[in-house]
Protein backbone atom coordinates (compact mmCIF):
# COMPACT_ATOMS: atom_id res chain seq x y z
CA MET A 1 -40.00 36.23 -13.92
CA ILE A 2 -36.77 34.55 -12.79
CA LEU A 3 -35.72 31.39 -14.58
CA ALA A 4 -32.61 29.49 -13.55
CA ARG A 5 -31.37 26.13 -14.78
CA LEU A 6 -28.07 25.55 -13.04
CA LYS A 7 -25.39 22.90 -12.93
CA LYS A 8 -22.25 23.47 -10.90
CA ARG A 9 -19.92 20.68 -9.87
CA PHE A 10 -17.33 20.79 -7.10
CA PRO A 11 -15.00 17.77 -7.35
CA ALA A 12 -14.03 15.72 -4.34
CA GLY A 13 -10.92 16.86 -2.46
CA PRO A 14 -8.69 15.41 0.25
CA ASP A 15 -11.11 16.51 2.98
CA SER A 16 -14.34 17.06 1.06
CA ALA A 17 -16.89 15.04 -0.88
CA GLU A 18 -18.03 15.87 -4.38
CA PHE A 19 -21.03 18.20 -4.64
CA LEU A 20 -23.27 18.79 -7.65
CA LEU A 21 -25.81 21.59 -7.84
CA ASP A 22 -28.41 20.54 -10.40
CA ALA A 23 -31.34 22.88 -9.81
CA ASP A 24 -34.17 24.14 -11.97
CA LEU A 25 -36.40 26.94 -10.72
CA ARG A 26 -38.88 29.28 -12.31
CA SER A 27 -40.94 31.85 -10.45
CA ALA A 28 -43.00 34.93 -11.17
CA ASP A 29 -44.10 35.28 -7.54
CA ALA A 30 -43.45 38.26 -5.28
CA VAL A 31 -41.54 36.23 -2.67
CA SER A 32 -39.88 32.91 -3.48
CA VAL A 33 -38.12 30.99 -0.72
CA LEU A 34 -35.35 28.40 -1.02
CA PHE A 35 -35.78 26.08 1.95
CA GLY A 36 -33.63 23.14 3.00
CA PRO A 37 -30.74 21.93 5.17
CA SER A 38 -27.27 23.47 5.28
CA GLY A 39 -25.10 22.48 2.35
CA SER A 40 -28.00 21.66 0.03
CA GLY A 41 -27.16 24.36 -2.55
CA LYS A 42 -29.46 27.25 -1.61
CA THR A 43 -26.82 29.97 -1.20
CA LEU A 44 -24.92 28.59 -4.19
CA THR A 45 -28.07 29.10 -6.28
CA LEU A 46 -28.25 32.76 -5.19
CA GLU A 47 -24.55 33.27 -5.98
CA CYS A 48 -24.98 31.80 -9.46
CA ILE A 49 -27.98 34.07 -10.15
CA ALA A 50 -26.12 37.13 -8.83
CA GLY A 51 -23.07 36.36 -10.99
CA PHE A 52 -20.61 35.72 -8.17
CA ILE A 53 -20.12 32.13 -9.38
CA ARG A 54 -20.19 30.91 -12.97
CA PRO A 55 -22.19 27.68 -13.43
CA ASP A 56 -20.80 24.88 -15.57
CA GLU A 57 -24.05 24.50 -17.50
CA GLY A 58 -27.47 26.08 -17.77
CA ARG A 59 -29.15 29.44 -18.22
CA VAL A 60 -30.31 32.32 -16.03
CA MET A 61 -32.96 34.77 -17.25
CA LEU A 62 -34.52 37.75 -15.51
CA GLY A 63 -37.60 38.76 -17.43
CA ASP A 64 -36.56 38.72 -21.09
CA ASP A 65 -32.89 39.37 -20.34
CA ILE A 66 -30.31 36.59 -20.44
CA LEU A 67 -27.87 36.89 -17.54
CA PHE A 68 -26.07 33.62 -18.21
CA ASP A 69 -26.21 31.11 -21.02
CA ALA A 70 -23.63 28.34 -21.16
CA PRO A 71 -24.07 27.31 -24.84
CA THR A 72 -23.55 30.87 -26.16
CA GLY A 73 -21.02 31.98 -23.53
CA VAL A 74 -23.13 34.84 -22.15
CA PHE A 75 -22.09 35.73 -18.59
CA LEU A 76 -23.02 39.21 -17.39
CA PRO A 77 -20.91 40.52 -14.48
CA PRO A 78 -22.72 41.09 -11.15
CA GLN A 79 -22.88 44.88 -11.58
CA ALA A 80 -24.72 44.48 -14.90
CA ARG A 81 -27.40 42.13 -13.58
CA ARG A 82 -29.28 44.59 -11.33
CA CYS A 83 -29.68 42.00 -8.59
CA GLY A 84 -29.59 43.44 -5.08
CA TYR A 85 -27.77 40.99 -2.81
CA VAL A 86 -28.07 41.05 0.98
CA PHE A 87 -25.36 38.91 2.56
CA GLN A 88 -25.58 36.96 5.81
CA ASN A 89 -22.94 39.22 7.38
CA TYR A 90 -24.61 42.41 6.00
CA ALA A 91 -21.38 43.49 4.17
CA LEU A 92 -21.65 47.09 5.35
CA PHE A 93 -18.51 49.25 5.07
CA PRO A 94 -17.23 49.46 8.67
CA HIS A 95 -15.49 52.85 8.21
CA MET A 96 -18.65 54.53 6.87
CA THR A 97 -21.69 55.78 8.73
CA LEU A 98 -25.07 54.31 7.97
CA ARG A 99 -25.88 57.31 5.76
CA GLU A 100 -22.58 56.98 3.89
CA ASN A 101 -23.27 53.29 3.31
CA LEU A 102 -26.57 54.19 1.70
CA LEU A 103 -25.08 57.04 -0.35
CA PHE A 104 -22.54 54.61 -1.77
CA ALA A 105 -25.37 52.74 -3.51
CA THR A 106 -26.63 55.92 -5.23
CA GLU A 107 -23.46 57.09 -7.00
CA PHE A 108 -25.17 56.69 -10.38
CA ARG A 109 -27.78 59.33 -9.44
CA ALA A 110 -27.61 63.14 -9.54
CA LYS A 111 -26.36 64.67 -6.28
CA LEU A 112 -29.66 66.19 -5.13
CA GLU A 113 -31.55 63.04 -6.01
CA ARG A 114 -29.02 60.93 -4.08
CA HIS A 115 -29.67 62.75 -0.81
CA ARG A 116 -33.42 62.78 -1.36
CA LYS A 117 -33.51 59.02 -2.02
CA VAL A 118 -31.31 58.28 0.99
CA ASN A 119 -33.48 60.41 3.29
CA GLU A 120 -36.59 58.65 2.02
CA MET A 121 -35.02 55.26 2.66
CA LEU A 122 -33.82 56.24 6.16
CA GLU A 123 -37.35 57.26 7.06
CA ARG A 124 -38.99 54.27 5.43
CA PHE A 125 -36.76 51.80 7.28
CA ARG A 126 -36.91 53.73 10.58
CA LEU A 127 -33.19 54.52 10.53
CA THR A 128 -33.19 58.34 10.55
CA ASP A 129 -32.02 58.63 14.16
CA LEU A 130 -29.17 56.19 13.46
CA ALA A 131 -27.85 57.76 10.24
CA GLY A 132 -24.61 58.99 11.83
CA ARG A 133 -23.63 55.70 13.46
CA LYS A 134 -21.06 53.22 12.19
CA PRO A 135 -22.05 49.57 11.69
CA ARG A 136 -20.30 48.50 14.91
CA GLU A 137 -22.70 50.79 16.80
CA LEU A 138 -25.83 49.17 15.33
CA SER A 139 -27.79 46.12 16.45
CA GLY A 140 -28.17 43.12 14.18
CA GLY A 141 -31.68 44.15 13.18
CA GLN A 142 -30.58 47.70 12.41
CA LYS A 143 -27.69 46.48 10.28
CA GLN A 144 -30.04 44.14 8.43
CA ARG A 145 -32.48 46.96 7.66
CA CYS A 146 -29.60 49.14 6.45
CA SER A 147 -28.31 46.34 4.22
CA ILE A 148 -31.75 45.84 2.63
CA ALA A 149 -32.21 49.61 2.18
CA ARG A 150 -28.81 49.89 0.50
CA ALA A 151 -29.65 47.06 -1.89
CA LEU A 152 -32.97 48.70 -2.83
CA LEU A 153 -31.36 52.10 -3.49
CA ALA A 154 -29.67 50.59 -6.53
CA ASP A 155 -33.12 49.95 -8.10
CA PRO A 156 -32.66 46.19 -8.42
CA ARG A 157 -34.93 44.09 -10.60
CA LEU A 158 -34.54 41.21 -8.12
CA LEU A 159 -33.67 41.21 -4.40
CA LEU A 160 -31.61 38.23 -3.21
CA LEU A 161 -31.61 37.60 0.56
CA ASP A 162 -29.29 35.00 2.09
CA GLU A 163 -30.79 33.98 5.46
CA PRO A 164 -31.72 37.54 6.44
CA ALA A 165 -33.02 36.55 9.90
CA GLN A 166 -29.95 34.55 10.92
CA GLY A 167 -28.80 35.50 14.42
CA LEU A 168 -31.81 37.70 15.17
CA ASP A 169 -33.89 37.17 18.30
CA PRO A 170 -37.65 36.53 17.89
CA THR A 171 -38.59 40.20 18.31
CA LEU A 172 -36.05 41.41 15.74
CA ARG A 173 -37.04 38.58 13.40
CA ASP A 174 -40.67 39.70 13.53
CA GLU A 175 -39.54 43.28 12.80
CA LEU A 176 -37.54 42.03 9.82
CA HIS A 177 -40.58 40.17 8.50
CA ASP A 178 -42.57 43.40 8.74
CA VAL A 179 -39.82 45.16 6.77
CA LEU A 180 -39.92 42.50 4.05
CA ARG A 181 -43.71 42.83 3.81
CA GLU A 182 -43.23 46.59 3.37
CA VAL A 183 -40.64 45.94 0.65
CA ARG A 184 -43.05 43.63 -1.10
CA ALA A 185 -45.91 46.13 -0.93
CA GLY A 186 -43.98 49.37 -1.55
CA PHE A 187 -41.22 48.52 -4.03
CA GLN A 188 -42.75 45.83 -6.26
CA THR A 189 -39.31 44.18 -6.30
CA PRO A 190 -39.50 40.37 -6.42
CA ILE A 191 -37.59 38.64 -3.62
CA LEU A 192 -35.67 35.37 -3.74
CA MET A 193 -34.75 34.36 -0.20
CA VAL A 194 -32.81 31.55 1.50
CA THR A 195 -33.96 30.30 4.90
CA HIS A 196 -33.67 27.32 7.24
CA SER A 197 -36.79 28.38 9.11
CA LEU A 198 -40.00 26.55 8.27
CA GLU A 199 -42.05 29.24 10.01
CA GLU A 200 -40.30 31.99 8.04
CA ALA A 201 -40.92 30.23 4.74
CA TYR A 202 -44.58 29.67 5.57
CA THR A 203 -45.04 33.26 6.76
CA LEU A 204 -43.39 35.08 3.86
CA ALA A 205 -43.33 32.88 0.77
CA ASP A 206 -45.65 32.80 -2.21
CA ARG A 207 -43.64 29.88 -3.61
CA VAL A 208 -41.29 27.49 -1.83
CA PHE A 209 -38.47 25.49 -3.42
CA VAL A 210 -37.34 22.63 -1.18
CA TYR A 211 -33.66 21.76 -1.63
CA ASN A 212 -31.85 18.55 -0.76
CA GLU A 213 -28.35 17.51 -1.85
CA GLY A 214 -28.16 20.06 -4.66
CA LYS A 215 -31.60 19.41 -6.15
CA VAL A 216 -35.06 20.93 -5.91
CA VAL A 217 -37.07 17.99 -4.55
CA GLN A 218 -40.43 19.80 -4.35
CA GLN A 219 -41.88 23.20 -5.15
CA GLY A 220 -45.25 24.86 -4.71
CA THR A 221 -47.17 27.21 -2.48
CA PRO A 222 -46.42 26.93 1.25
CA ALA A 223 -49.71 25.11 1.82
CA GLU A 224 -49.02 22.63 -1.00
CA VAL A 225 -45.51 21.85 0.22
CA PHE A 226 -46.09 21.76 3.96
CA GLU A 227 -49.49 20.08 3.95
CA ARG A 228 -48.71 17.58 1.19
CA PRO A 229 -45.00 16.68 1.16
CA ALA A 230 -44.08 14.87 -2.04
CA ASN A 231 -42.23 12.03 -0.34
CA ALA A 232 -40.69 10.87 2.93
CA THR A 233 -37.47 12.80 2.23
CA VAL A 234 -39.33 16.12 2.05
CA ALA A 235 -41.34 15.29 5.17
CA ARG A 236 -38.12 14.58 7.08
CA LEU A 237 -36.50 17.79 5.88
CA MET A 238 -39.34 19.82 7.34
CA GLY A 239 -38.96 18.16 10.74
CA ILE A 240 -42.65 18.55 11.66
CA TYR A 241 -43.87 15.04 10.80
CA SER A 242 -43.63 11.61 12.30
CA LEU A 243 -43.03 8.93 9.67
CA ILE A 244 -44.21 5.40 10.36
CA ALA A 245 -43.71 2.47 7.98
CA ALA A 246 -46.91 0.57 7.14
CA ASP A 247 -48.09 -2.17 4.77
CA VAL A 248 -51.18 -1.88 2.58
CA LEU A 249 -53.61 -4.69 3.41
CA MET A 250 -56.73 -3.58 1.54
CA LEU A 251 -57.96 -0.85 -0.82
CA ASP A 252 -61.65 -0.02 -1.23
CA PRO A 253 -62.25 2.73 -3.81
CA GLY A 254 -66.01 2.40 -3.36
CA ARG A 255 -65.82 3.43 0.29
CA ASN A 256 -62.75 5.62 -0.26
CA THR A 257 -60.82 3.73 2.43
CA SER A 258 -57.75 1.59 2.91
CA GLN A 259 -56.58 -0.84 5.56
CA LEU A 260 -52.98 -0.50 6.76
CA ARG A 261 -50.82 -2.53 9.13
CA ILE A 262 -48.26 -1.03 11.51
CA GLY A 263 -46.42 -3.91 13.16
CA ASP A 264 -49.22 -6.06 14.58
CA THR A 265 -51.84 -3.29 14.52
CA GLU A 266 -54.30 -2.53 11.72
CA ILE A 267 -55.66 0.96 11.11
CA THR A 268 -58.07 2.51 8.61
CA GLY A 269 -56.93 5.24 6.25
CA PRO A 270 -58.14 7.03 3.12
CA TYR A 271 -58.12 5.35 -0.29
CA LEU A 272 -54.62 5.43 -1.82
CA PRO A 273 -54.66 6.02 -5.59
CA GLY A 274 -51.67 4.43 -7.29
CA LYS A 275 -50.96 2.04 -4.40
CA PHE A 276 -51.46 -1.72 -4.41
CA LYS A 277 -52.11 -4.41 -1.83
CA GLY A 278 -48.79 -5.42 -0.29
CA ASP A 279 -47.06 -2.08 -0.90
CA ARG A 280 -44.88 -0.60 1.85
CA VAL A 281 -45.83 3.04 2.49
CA TRP A 282 -45.03 5.80 4.96
CA ILE A 283 -47.71 7.26 7.21
CA CYS A 284 -46.98 10.96 7.59
CA VAL A 285 -48.57 12.75 10.55
CA ARG A 286 -47.88 15.84 12.69
CA PRO A 287 -47.71 15.50 16.50
CA GLU A 288 -50.66 17.84 17.04
CA GLU A 289 -52.85 15.66 14.79
CA LEU A 290 -52.49 12.59 17.02
CA GLN A 291 -54.48 11.89 20.17
CA ALA A 292 -52.45 10.25 22.95
CA LEU A 293 -54.26 8.46 25.80
CA PRO A 294 -53.06 6.27 28.67
CA ARG A 295 -53.55 2.63 27.71
CA ASP A 296 -56.67 1.17 29.25
CA GLY A 297 -57.53 -2.26 27.96
CA ARG A 298 -57.53 -3.30 24.33
CA PRO A 299 -56.91 -0.48 21.79
CA LEU A 300 -59.95 0.73 19.85
CA PRO A 301 -59.95 1.09 16.02
CA ASN A 302 -57.09 3.26 14.71
CA GLN A 303 -55.36 3.20 18.09
CA PHE A 304 -51.75 2.03 18.21
CA PRO A 305 -50.17 0.78 21.48
CA VAL A 306 -46.87 2.52 22.34
CA GLN A 307 -44.44 2.98 25.21
CA LEU A 308 -43.44 6.44 26.37
CA GLU A 309 -39.72 7.14 26.07
CA ARG A 310 -39.58 10.80 27.10
CA ALA A 311 -41.63 13.97 27.47
CA THR A 312 -40.38 17.44 26.55
CA GLN A 313 -41.87 20.86 27.17
CA ARG A 314 -43.27 22.87 24.27
CA PRO A 315 -44.90 26.33 24.29
CA GLY A 316 -48.39 25.65 25.66
CA ALA A 317 -48.12 21.84 25.49
CA MET A 318 -46.07 18.75 26.27
CA ARG A 319 -44.62 16.56 23.53
CA LEU A 320 -44.66 12.85 24.19
CA GLU A 321 -42.01 10.85 22.34
CA PHE A 322 -42.56 7.16 21.75
CA GLN A 323 -40.57 4.46 19.99
CA ASN A 324 -40.17 4.54 16.20
CA ASP A 325 -39.91 8.37 16.24
CA LEU A 326 -43.63 8.70 16.96
CA ARG A 327 -44.56 11.97 18.69
CA ALA A 328 -47.82 13.41 20.01
CA ASP A 329 -48.73 16.66 21.75
CA ILE A 330 -51.00 16.88 24.79
CA SER A 331 -51.93 19.64 27.21
CA ARG A 332 -49.81 20.22 30.30
CA ALA A 333 -52.81 19.45 32.50
CA ASP A 334 -53.32 16.03 30.87
CA TYR A 335 -49.63 15.27 31.11
CA GLU A 336 -49.54 16.08 34.83
CA ARG A 337 -52.53 13.79 35.35
CA TYR A 338 -50.93 10.84 33.53
CA ARG A 339 -47.20 11.56 33.80
CA HIS A 340 -46.42 8.27 35.57
CA ASN A 341 -47.94 6.18 32.78
CA LYS A 342 -45.50 4.39 30.49
CA GLU A 343 -48.09 2.48 28.46
CA TRP A 344 -50.05 4.66 26.02
CA THR A 345 -52.18 4.40 22.90
CA VAL A 346 -51.96 6.83 20.00
CA GLU A 347 -55.02 7.35 17.82
CA PHE A 348 -54.47 8.08 14.12
CA PRO A 349 -56.92 10.32 12.21
CA SER A 350 -58.51 8.02 9.63
CA THR A 351 -59.79 10.66 7.17
CA THR A 352 -56.86 13.12 7.15
CA LEU A 353 -54.05 10.58 7.27
CA ARG A 354 -51.25 11.36 4.81
CA VAL A 355 -49.69 8.32 3.16
CA LEU A 356 -46.52 8.66 1.09
């Protein structure tokens, strides 16, 4: 179990705005991911937990051990916290070989055990044939695997990863994800990881903490967070939703429906508990959930007339972009058939519509 209540303030300077980290996280999951935009406080959270930065207020606990407690003045140094930290730049010693980098992390062990542990780790992370190379002779993925192996050789109680896939191509990123799954299965060491990648968070995380401007704005399982964003801010941070302002015209709990107005168009949605007639809400929908059709006469129920602004290629599909940041995906074949159309209708799913 990792528990961290953190407050750290950086005052405004001549060329910088004030920043306040005010985060509260608790997790007993195998892999917890801090997700959010750059500058939102994710790496700062890791540094406070590792002991590289002293928070102004709060408490950090790992299991039953207090690593930091502002009221009592407890502040364990990094080397006493048993947190393995993997930096963005790997932080390998450039003058040492890969094997020597790993041996450095085992100085507290007996000599024979040191070499045995290092050999086991070289084999486990598929680095045996590279053991004599210096970091400059390794690829980014190889350096990343070495950095994770070195952190694990110190028998950490918690592994902290700061954007481990940064700069890796898709193939190396997939290999890294396989390594992290092996770490999860073979070492039983909980992982707290920072990422900007929505796909990475969804693939690896048991629990996701969404950061924005120094605060945790939502937390939960990947499915809970990504399928049901808490508000429009979270939906925008994920970048996978279109957000359309709408007004509530009618609520019918008996039929479990609502009537919403977008501009001059009315659509049917699910019943909205906690909302009232006249409220302004946000319709939250992913491009692949919408059906886009060339306009042909008067729109049918739940169809919204739009004008095409641009079309961009996506893997296996075309993304149509309309006014008001509305986007819809269609097949390449359909796009080629209707590519000269500027007038379209977009059909909203009435039963699965998310309203924030």
